[in-house]
Amino acid sequence: MTTENFVAVFTLDDLADGEPHKAVVDDVTIAVVLTEGEVFAINDICSHGQVSLSEGEVDGCSLECWLHGSQFDLRTGKPLSLPATDPVPVYPVKVEDGTVFVTTRSSDLS
């Protein structure tokens, strides 16, 4: 994984455990979540209801959409409950010296 396309979005001090935070990277709105000692980045738009996932609730490694209750795995983006049936994209995260970096570029997603 290359590092030049990663963008600094938060410091670890900015992130409260289990609380989603919204950021924009490369014109993509993402939800950044610190939970269970890891930082995850997932597309902020629910694949079912087209609403912001960063307004939802975190339970372990899942993020629940506040509107219809679909839960998404923060590691894979796969829906864990209905009504959502389509996954949402997840993005690579790096933490260096207390700064959280995310990339949404496809060349960095392999």
C-alpha atoms as a PDB file:
ATOM      1  CA  MET A   1       0.000   0.000   0.000  1.00  0.00           C
ATOM      2  CA  THR A   2       1.473   3.352  -0.991  1.00  0.00           C
ATOM      3  CA  THR A   3       1.303   6.295   1.378  1.00  0.00           C
ATOM      4  CA  GLU A   4       1.337   9.395  -0.809  1.00  0.00           C
ATOM      5  CA  ASN A   5      -2.438   9.460  -1.340  1.00  0.00           C
ATOM      6  CA  PHE A   6      -3.344   9.280   2.344  1.00  0.00           C
ATOM      7  CA  VAL A   7      -4.931  12.396   3.822  1.00  0.00           C
ATOM      8  CA  ALA A   8      -4.754  13.444   7.488  1.00  0.00           C
ATOM      9  CA  VAL A   9      -8.304  13.605   8.860  1.00  0.00           C
ATOM     10  CA  PHE A  10      -8.061  13.638  12.673  1.00  0.00           C
ATOM     11  CA  THR A  11      -5.711  13.101  15.563  1.00  0.00           C
ATOM     12  CA  LEU A  12      -6.391  10.206  17.899  1.00  0.00           C
ATOM     13  CA  ASP A  13      -7.207  12.796  20.568  1.00  0.00           C
ATOM     14  CA  ASP A  14     -10.043  14.078  18.330  1.00  0.00           C
ATOM     15  CA  LEU A  15     -11.744  10.675  18.284  1.00  0.00           C
ATOM     16  CA  ALA A  16     -13.934   9.571  21.168  1.00  0.00           C
ATOM     17  CA  ASP A  17     -14.165   5.788  21.441  1.00  0.00           C
ATOM     18  CA  GLY A  18     -17.352   4.502  19.828  1.00  0.00           C
ATOM     19  CA  GLU A  19     -18.363   7.864  18.363  1.00  0.00           C
ATOM     20  CA  PRO A  20     -18.401   8.311  14.558  1.00  0.00           C
ATOM     21  CA  HIS A  21     -16.818  11.426  13.096  1.00  0.00           C
ATOM     22  CA  LYS A  22     -17.487  12.794   9.613  1.00  0.00           C
ATOM     23  CA  ALA A  23     -14.654  13.758   7.246  1.00  0.00           C
ATOM     24  CA  VAL A  24     -14.242  14.430   3.538  1.00  0.00           C
ATOM     25  CA  VAL A  25     -11.361  12.825   1.636  1.00  0.00           C
ATOM     26  CA  ASP A  26     -11.004  13.261  -2.137  1.00  0.00           C
ATOM     27  CA  ASP A  27     -14.614  14.536  -2.327  1.00  0.00           C
ATOM     28  CA  VAL A  28     -15.860  11.371  -0.581  1.00  0.00           C
ATOM     29  CA  THR A  29     -17.679  11.793   2.734  1.00  0.00           C
ATOM     30  CA  ILE A  30     -16.580   9.138   5.208  1.00  0.00           C
ATOM     31  CA  ALA A  31     -17.302   8.148   8.783  1.00  0.00           C
ATOM     32  CA  VAL A  32     -14.190   7.615  10.902  1.00  0.00           C
ATOM     33  CA  VAL A  33     -14.651   5.458  13.987  1.00  0.00           C
ATOM     34  CA  LEU A  34     -12.332   4.536  16.858  1.00  0.00           C
ATOM     35  CA  THR A  35     -13.570   1.330  18.484  1.00  0.00           C
ATOM     36  CA  GLU A  36     -11.982  -1.662  20.172  1.00  0.00           C
ATOM     37  CA  GLY A  37      -8.569   0.003  19.871  1.00  0.00           C
ATOM     38  CA  GLU A  38      -8.714   0.351  16.060  1.00  0.00           C
ATOM     39  CA  VAL A  39      -9.637   3.166  13.692  1.00  0.00           C
ATOM     40  CA  PHE A  40     -11.955   2.435  10.770  1.00  0.00           C
ATOM     41  CA  ALA A  41     -13.105   4.499   7.781  1.00  0.00           C
ATOM     42  CA  ILE A  42     -16.363   3.666   6.029  1.00  0.00           C
ATOM     43  CA  ASN A  43     -18.386   5.528   3.422  1.00  0.00           C
ATOM     44  CA  ASP A  44     -20.748   7.859   5.245  1.00  0.00           C
ATOM     45  CA  ILE A  45     -23.814   7.143   3.107  1.00  0.00           C
ATOM     46  CA  CYS A  46     -26.074   4.208   3.995  1.00  0.00           C
ATOM     47  CA  SER A  47     -26.608   1.924   1.000  1.00  0.00           C
ATOM     48  CA  HIS A  48     -30.279   1.570   1.879  1.00  0.00           C
ATOM     49  CA  GLY A  49     -31.534   4.947   3.035  1.00  0.00           C
ATOM     50  CA  GLN A  50     -29.008   7.412   1.607  1.00  0.00           C
ATOM     51  CA  VAL A  51     -28.471   9.022   5.016  1.00  0.00           C
ATOM     52  CA  SER A  52     -25.353   9.808   7.031  1.00  0.00           C
ATOM     53  CA  LEU A  53     -23.890   6.829   8.897  1.00  0.00           C
ATOM     54  CA  SER A  54     -21.725   9.157  11.000  1.00  0.00           C
ATOM     55  CA  GLU A  55     -24.922  10.065  12.859  1.00  0.00           C
ATOM     56  CA  GLY A  56     -25.469   6.419  13.821  1.00  0.00           C
ATOM     57  CA  GLU A  57     -24.429   4.340  16.800  1.00  0.00           C
ATOM     58  CA  VAL A  58     -21.362   2.134  17.142  1.00  0.00           C
ATOM     59  CA  ASP A  59     -21.576  -1.315  18.730  1.00  0.00           C
ATOM     60  CA  GLY A  60     -18.223  -3.058  18.706  1.00  0.00           C
ATOM     61  CA  CYS A  61     -17.130  -3.213  15.067  1.00  0.00           C
ATOM     62  CA  SER A  62     -20.531  -2.321  13.629  1.00  0.00           C
ATOM     63  CA  LEU A  63     -22.142   0.993  12.785  1.00  0.00           C
ATOM     64  CA  GLU A  64     -25.921   1.314  12.822  1.00  0.00           C
ATOM     65  CA  CYS A  65     -27.785   3.629  10.476  1.00  0.00           C
ATOM     66  CA  TRP A  66     -29.925   5.934  12.603  1.00  0.00           C
ATOM     67  CA  LEU A  67     -32.859   6.027  10.171  1.00  0.00           C
ATOM     68  CA  HIS A  68     -33.809   2.399   9.495  1.00  0.00           C
ATOM     69  CA  GLY A  69     -31.478   0.458  11.808  1.00  0.00           C
ATOM     70  CA  SER A  70     -29.269  -1.325   9.266  1.00  0.00           C
ATOM     71  CA  GLN A  71     -25.920  -2.267  10.752  1.00  0.00           C
ATOM     72  CA  PHE A  72     -22.669  -2.360   8.779  1.00  0.00           C
ATOM     73  CA  ASP A  73     -19.423  -4.144   9.609  1.00  0.00           C
ATOM     74  CA  LEU A  74     -16.754  -1.450   9.984  1.00  0.00           C
ATOM     75  CA  ARG A  75     -14.082  -3.880   8.751  1.00  0.00           C
ATOM     76  CA  THR A  76     -15.792  -4.966   5.525  1.00  0.00           C
ATOM     77  CA  GLY A  77     -18.712  -2.604   4.902  1.00  0.00           C
ATOM     78  CA  LYS A  78     -21.063  -5.583   4.610  1.00  0.00           C
ATOM     79  CA  PRO A  79     -24.573  -5.151   5.998  1.00  0.00           C
ATOM     80  CA  LEU A  80     -25.214  -7.149   9.162  1.00  0.00           C
ATOM     81  CA  SER A  81     -28.949  -6.504   9.286  1.00  0.00           C
ATOM     82  CA  LEU A  82     -31.851  -5.534   7.082  1.00  0.00           C
ATOM     83  CA  PRO A  83     -33.165  -3.473   5.446  1.00  0.00           C
ATOM     84  CA  ALA A  84     -29.745  -2.831   3.824  1.00  0.00           C
ATOM     85  CA  THR A  85     -28.573  -5.578   1.482  1.00  0.00           C
ATOM     86  CA  ASP A  86     -25.706  -3.790  -0.292  1.00  0.00           C
ATOM     87  CA  PRO A  87     -22.331  -3.104   1.331  1.00  0.00           C
ATOM     88  CA  VAL A  88     -20.778   0.338   1.684  1.00  0.00           C
ATOM     89  CA  PRO A  89     -17.137   0.990   0.799  1.00  0.00           C
ATOM     90  CA  VAL A  90     -14.472   0.875   3.500  1.00  0.00           C
ATOM     91  CA  TYR A  91     -11.137   2.643   3.198  1.00  0.00           C
ATOM     92  CA  PRO A  92      -7.581   2.021   4.394  1.00  0.00           C
ATOM     93  CA  VAL A  93      -6.534   3.832   7.556  1.00  0.00           C
ATOM     94  CA  LYS A  94      -3.051   4.533   8.879  1.00  0.00           C
ATOM     95  CA  VAL A  95      -2.166   6.014  12.252  1.00  0.00           C
ATOM     96  CA  GLU A  96       1.240   7.675  12.529  1.00  0.00           C
ATOM     97  CA  ASP A  97       2.428   9.755  15.470  1.00  0.00           C
ATOM     98  CA  GLY A  98      -1.142  10.145  16.719  1.00  0.00           C
ATOM     99  CA  THR A  99      -2.512  11.355  13.369  1.00  0.00           C
ATOM    100  CA  VAL A 100      -5.180   9.389  11.486  1.00  0.00           C
ATOM    101  CA  PHE A 101      -4.755   9.168   7.712  1.00  0.00           C
ATOM    102  CA  VAL A 102      -7.292   7.794   5.198  1.00  0.00           C
ATOM    103  CA  THR A 103      -7.229   7.169   1.455  1.00  0.00           C
ATOM    104  CA  THR A 104     -10.153   6.641  -0.895  1.00  0.00           C
ATOM    105  CA  ARG A 105      -8.118   6.220  -4.063  1.00  0.00           C
ATOM    106  CA  SER A 106      -8.572   2.886  -5.778  1.00  0.00           C
ATOM    107  CA  SER A 107      -4.826   2.471  -6.391  1.00  0.00           C
ATOM    108  CA  ASP A 108      -4.374   2.285  -2.602  1.00  0.00           C
ATOM    109  CA  LEU A 109      -7.244  -0.113  -1.980  1.00  0.00           C
ATOM    110  CA  SER A 110      -5.509  -3.297  -3.111  1.00  0.00           C
END
